[in-house]
N, C-alpha and C. Protein backbone atom coordinates (compact mmCIF):
# COMPACT_ATOMS: atom_id res chain seq x y z
N MET A 1 -1.89 3.38 13.11
CA MET A 1 -3.14 3.22 12.40
C MET A 1 -2.98 2.09 11.39
N ARG A 2 -3.94 1.24 11.34
CA ARG A 2 -3.96 0.17 10.35
C ARG A 2 -4.95 0.55 9.27
N LEU A 3 -4.65 0.17 8.06
CA LEU A 3 -5.51 0.57 6.95
C LEU A 3 -6.93 0.04 7.10
N GLU A 4 -7.09 -1.13 7.69
CA GLU A 4 -8.45 -1.65 7.85
C GLU A 4 -9.25 -0.88 8.90
N GLU A 5 -8.60 -0.01 9.65
CA GLU A 5 -9.30 0.82 10.62
C GLU A 5 -9.86 2.10 10.01
N LEU A 6 -9.53 2.36 8.76
CA LEU A 6 -10.04 3.56 8.10
C LEU A 6 -11.54 3.47 7.92
N PRO A 7 -12.18 4.61 7.97
CA PRO A 7 -13.62 4.59 7.67
C PRO A 7 -13.85 4.01 6.27
N LYS A 8 -15.00 3.54 6.02
CA LYS A 8 -15.32 2.89 4.75
C LYS A 8 -15.53 3.89 3.62
N ILE A 9 -14.63 4.86 3.51
CA ILE A 9 -14.74 5.87 2.45
C ILE A 9 -13.97 5.48 1.21
N TYR A 10 -13.12 4.45 1.34
CA TYR A 10 -12.32 4.01 0.20
C TYR A 10 -12.91 2.72 -0.37
N ARG A 11 -12.86 2.60 -1.66
CA ARG A 11 -13.31 1.38 -2.31
C ARG A 11 -12.35 0.24 -1.97
N PRO A 12 -12.83 -0.98 -1.99
CA PRO A 12 -11.96 -2.12 -1.67
C PRO A 12 -10.70 -2.17 -2.52
N GLU A 13 -10.81 -1.83 -3.81
CA GLU A 13 -9.62 -1.87 -4.67
C GLU A 13 -8.62 -0.77 -4.29
N THR A 14 -9.12 0.36 -3.82
CA THR A 14 -8.24 1.43 -3.38
C THR A 14 -7.53 1.02 -2.09
N LEU A 15 -8.27 0.44 -1.17
CA LEU A 15 -7.66 -0.05 0.07
C LEU A 15 -6.60 -1.10 -0.24
N SER A 16 -6.87 -1.95 -1.21
CA SER A 16 -5.93 -2.99 -1.58
C SER A 16 -4.63 -2.39 -2.11
N LEU A 17 -4.72 -1.40 -2.98
CA LEU A 17 -3.49 -0.80 -3.52
C LEU A 17 -2.76 0.01 -2.46
N MET A 18 -3.51 0.62 -1.54
CA MET A 18 -2.88 1.33 -0.44
C MET A 18 -2.11 0.35 0.45
N ASP A 19 -2.73 -0.78 0.72
CA ASP A 19 -2.09 -1.81 1.53
C ASP A 19 -0.84 -2.33 0.83
N HIS A 20 -0.94 -2.55 -0.47
CA HIS A 20 0.21 -3.02 -1.24
C HIS A 20 1.35 -2.00 -1.17
N ALA A 21 1.04 -0.73 -1.35
CA ALA A 21 2.06 0.32 -1.28
C ALA A 21 2.71 0.36 0.11
N LEU A 22 1.89 0.23 1.15
CA LEU A 22 2.40 0.24 2.52
C LEU A 22 3.34 -0.93 2.76
N GLU A 23 2.94 -2.11 2.36
CA GLU A 23 3.77 -3.29 2.58
C GLU A 23 5.07 -3.21 1.79
N GLN A 24 5.01 -2.72 0.57
CA GLN A 24 6.23 -2.57 -0.24
C GLN A 24 7.17 -1.52 0.37
N ALA A 25 6.61 -0.42 0.82
CA ALA A 25 7.43 0.63 1.45
C ALA A 25 8.04 0.11 2.75
N TRP A 26 7.28 -0.63 3.52
CA TRP A 26 7.77 -1.17 4.79
C TRP A 26 8.93 -2.14 4.54
N ARG A 27 8.77 -3.01 3.55
CA ARG A 27 9.85 -3.95 3.20
C ARG A 27 11.12 -3.19 2.80
N GLU A 28 10.93 -2.12 2.04
CA GLU A 28 12.09 -1.32 1.60
C GLU A 28 12.78 -0.67 2.80
N LEU A 29 12.01 -0.13 3.72
CA LEU A 29 12.62 0.48 4.91
C LEU A 29 13.37 -0.56 5.72
N LYS A 30 12.78 -1.73 5.89
CA LYS A 30 13.46 -2.79 6.64
C LYS A 30 14.73 -3.22 5.92
N ARG A 31 14.69 -3.30 4.61
CA ARG A 31 15.86 -3.69 3.83
C ARG A 31 17.00 -2.69 4.02
N ARG A 32 16.64 -1.42 4.10
CA ARG A 32 17.65 -0.37 4.30
C ARG A 32 18.33 -0.47 5.65
N GLY A 33 17.59 -1.01 6.64
CA GLY A 33 18.16 -1.16 7.98
C GLY A 33 18.34 0.13 8.74
N THR A 34 17.54 1.13 8.43
CA THR A 34 17.70 2.44 9.07
C THR A 34 16.56 2.80 10.02
N ILE A 35 15.72 1.86 10.36
CA ILE A 35 14.56 2.14 11.21
C ILE A 35 15.01 2.26 12.66
N VAL A 36 14.68 3.37 13.28
CA VAL A 36 14.99 3.59 14.69
C VAL A 36 13.77 3.21 15.53
N ASP A 37 12.62 3.69 15.15
CA ASP A 37 11.36 3.43 15.87
C ASP A 37 10.38 2.84 14.86
N ALA A 38 10.18 1.53 14.94
CA ALA A 38 9.35 0.84 13.96
C ALA A 38 7.91 1.36 13.95
N ASN A 39 7.35 1.61 15.11
CA ASN A 39 5.97 2.10 15.16
C ASN A 39 5.84 3.47 14.51
N ALA A 40 6.77 4.35 14.81
CA ALA A 40 6.73 5.69 14.23
C ALA A 40 6.96 5.63 12.72
N ALA A 41 7.86 4.77 12.29
CA ALA A 41 8.15 4.65 10.86
C ALA A 41 6.94 4.13 10.10
N ARG A 42 6.30 3.11 10.63
CA ARG A 42 5.13 2.55 9.96
C ARG A 42 3.97 3.56 9.97
N GLU A 43 3.84 4.28 11.05
CA GLU A 43 2.80 5.32 11.14
C GLU A 43 3.04 6.41 10.10
N ARG A 44 4.29 6.81 9.92
CA ARG A 44 4.62 7.84 8.92
C ARG A 44 4.28 7.34 7.52
N LEU A 45 4.62 6.09 7.22
CA LEU A 45 4.29 5.53 5.91
C LEU A 45 2.78 5.53 5.69
N THR A 46 2.06 5.03 6.69
CA THR A 46 0.60 4.94 6.59
C THR A 46 -0.04 6.31 6.42
N THR A 47 0.37 7.25 7.22
CA THR A 47 -0.19 8.60 7.16
C THR A 47 0.03 9.23 5.79
N THR A 48 1.22 9.05 5.25
CA THR A 48 1.53 9.61 3.94
C THR A 48 0.68 8.98 2.86
N ILE A 49 0.56 7.67 2.90
CA ILE A 49 -0.23 6.95 1.89
C ILE A 49 -1.70 7.34 1.97
N VAL A 50 -2.24 7.42 3.17
CA VAL A 50 -3.65 7.80 3.35
C VAL A 50 -3.87 9.24 2.86
N ALA A 51 -2.95 10.12 3.18
CA ALA A 51 -3.09 11.53 2.75
C ALA A 51 -3.11 11.63 1.23
N LEU A 52 -2.22 10.91 0.58
CA LEU A 52 -2.17 10.96 -0.88
C LEU A 52 -3.41 10.32 -1.50
N ALA A 53 -3.84 9.21 -0.95
CA ALA A 53 -5.04 8.54 -1.47
C ALA A 53 -6.28 9.41 -1.27
N SER A 54 -6.30 10.17 -0.20
CA SER A 54 -7.47 11.01 0.08
C SER A 54 -7.62 12.14 -0.93
N VAL A 55 -6.54 12.49 -1.62
CA VAL A 55 -6.63 13.50 -2.67
C VAL A 55 -6.63 12.88 -4.07
N GLY A 56 -6.83 11.56 -4.11
CA GLY A 56 -7.05 10.90 -5.39
C GLY A 56 -5.92 10.11 -5.99
N GLU A 57 -4.76 10.06 -5.33
CA GLU A 57 -3.65 9.28 -5.89
C GLU A 57 -3.93 7.79 -5.73
N THR A 58 -3.88 7.05 -6.81
CA THR A 58 -4.18 5.62 -6.75
C THR A 58 -3.09 4.76 -7.40
N ASP A 59 -1.96 5.35 -7.70
CA ASP A 59 -0.84 4.60 -8.26
C ASP A 59 0.00 4.08 -7.08
N SER A 60 0.02 2.76 -6.87
CA SER A 60 0.71 2.22 -5.70
C SER A 60 2.21 2.50 -5.72
N ALA A 61 2.81 2.55 -6.91
CA ALA A 61 4.25 2.86 -6.99
C ALA A 61 4.52 4.29 -6.52
N LYS A 62 3.65 5.22 -6.89
CA LYS A 62 3.80 6.61 -6.44
C LYS A 62 3.55 6.71 -4.93
N LEU A 63 2.53 6.01 -4.46
CA LEU A 63 2.25 6.02 -3.02
C LEU A 63 3.47 5.53 -2.25
N LYS A 64 4.05 4.44 -2.70
CA LYS A 64 5.25 3.90 -2.05
C LYS A 64 6.39 4.90 -2.10
N ARG A 65 6.66 5.46 -3.27
CA ARG A 65 7.78 6.38 -3.44
C ARG A 65 7.64 7.60 -2.52
N PHE A 66 6.46 8.19 -2.49
CA PHE A 66 6.25 9.37 -1.65
C PHE A 66 6.28 9.03 -0.16
N ALA A 67 5.78 7.86 0.20
CA ALA A 67 5.83 7.43 1.60
C ALA A 67 7.28 7.25 2.05
N LEU A 68 8.10 6.64 1.18
CA LEU A 68 9.51 6.48 1.52
C LEU A 68 10.21 7.83 1.60
N LYS A 69 9.85 8.73 0.71
CA LYS A 69 10.44 10.08 0.74
C LYS A 69 10.09 10.76 2.07
N ALA A 70 8.84 10.62 2.51
CA ALA A 70 8.44 11.22 3.80
C ALA A 70 9.20 10.58 4.96
N SER A 71 9.48 9.30 4.85
CA SER A 71 10.19 8.63 5.93
C SER A 71 11.65 9.05 5.99
N ASP A 72 12.17 9.61 4.91
CA ASP A 72 13.56 10.08 4.89
C ASP A 72 13.80 11.19 5.91
N THR A 73 12.74 11.84 6.36
CA THR A 73 12.89 12.93 7.32
C THR A 73 12.88 12.44 8.76
N MET A 74 12.73 11.13 8.95
CA MET A 74 12.71 10.56 10.30
C MET A 74 14.15 10.39 10.81
N PRO A 75 14.34 10.41 12.15
CA PRO A 75 15.67 10.19 12.72
C PRO A 75 16.22 8.83 12.32
N ARG A 76 17.52 8.76 12.12
CA ARG A 76 18.21 7.52 11.73
C ARG A 76 19.01 6.96 12.91
N GLN A 77 19.44 5.72 12.72
CA GLN A 77 20.28 5.07 13.72
C GLN A 77 21.64 5.71 13.74
């Protein structure tokens, strides 16, 4: 799922911070070098960020941190 595919229920500034959190989390995962399935990893990050934003979280640092925490449960190399 790509963030721009979400229904128009989020304000542009919220989508922007969600996108920022996703890109920062993705860079961190790539830096770690532990990604086994890139599509699944990115999907997990996106799903976590969208879920948190849907309940009102708008701090991109928190979105990133929780998305990375959720990705910690994915299989490793």
